[in-house]
Amino acid sequence: MDTSILCVWLKVPGKETCGSGKNCWDYKKVNAKISQELSSSTTFVLPLASIIETGNHISQCPGDPYSVAQSFAELIRKTAKHETPWAAFTVQSNLWSVEKLSQLADTWPALAANRISLGDATIKDVAAYYGEQGQSVEIFTGDQGLKAYEPIAAKTQPRRRIK
């Protein structure tokens, strides 16, 4: 789940919609998608970049950020405790190793040229990590640029029965 969707779902003042055209999201549409995914037993992963960026938007929003911050703090607590359906990306060290940081430094300038933020680049890497683990992954975002980096689900080979 990326920052834009979190901000819409938390009703952060000034961030009530995200995306554009057919990919435009408001609270009603985000909440319906979350409800649909809950009924499918989906796990929602909050990458550290989404947590930090959403917190930044909340702290800088017009009006009273305290109540929105309280709601988000509760979501962070649930995520930290892995309360279903929330999960933190607990293998952050995989993204911050010397090798991965060097790889990020090598690949990010081209992503930046395509308007992919550093936070989104790490969200892309979190999605890729789960995809490599054989998980079906959807990057829940209003940003088509980030959505384009959604991993393609690996097709499993059917087992053969030998008689």
Foldseek 3Di string as FASTA:
>chain_A
DAQLLLCCCLVQAPSQWFADDPLIDGNVRSVVVVVVVVVVQAADEDEPLNLVVNVVSLVPTPDDSVVSVVVSVVVVVCQVVPPPRHHYLPVCVVCVPPVNVVVCVVPVVVVVVVVQDSSLVVVLVSQVVVQVVQDQDADPDSDVSSRVSHDDHDDDDDDDDDD
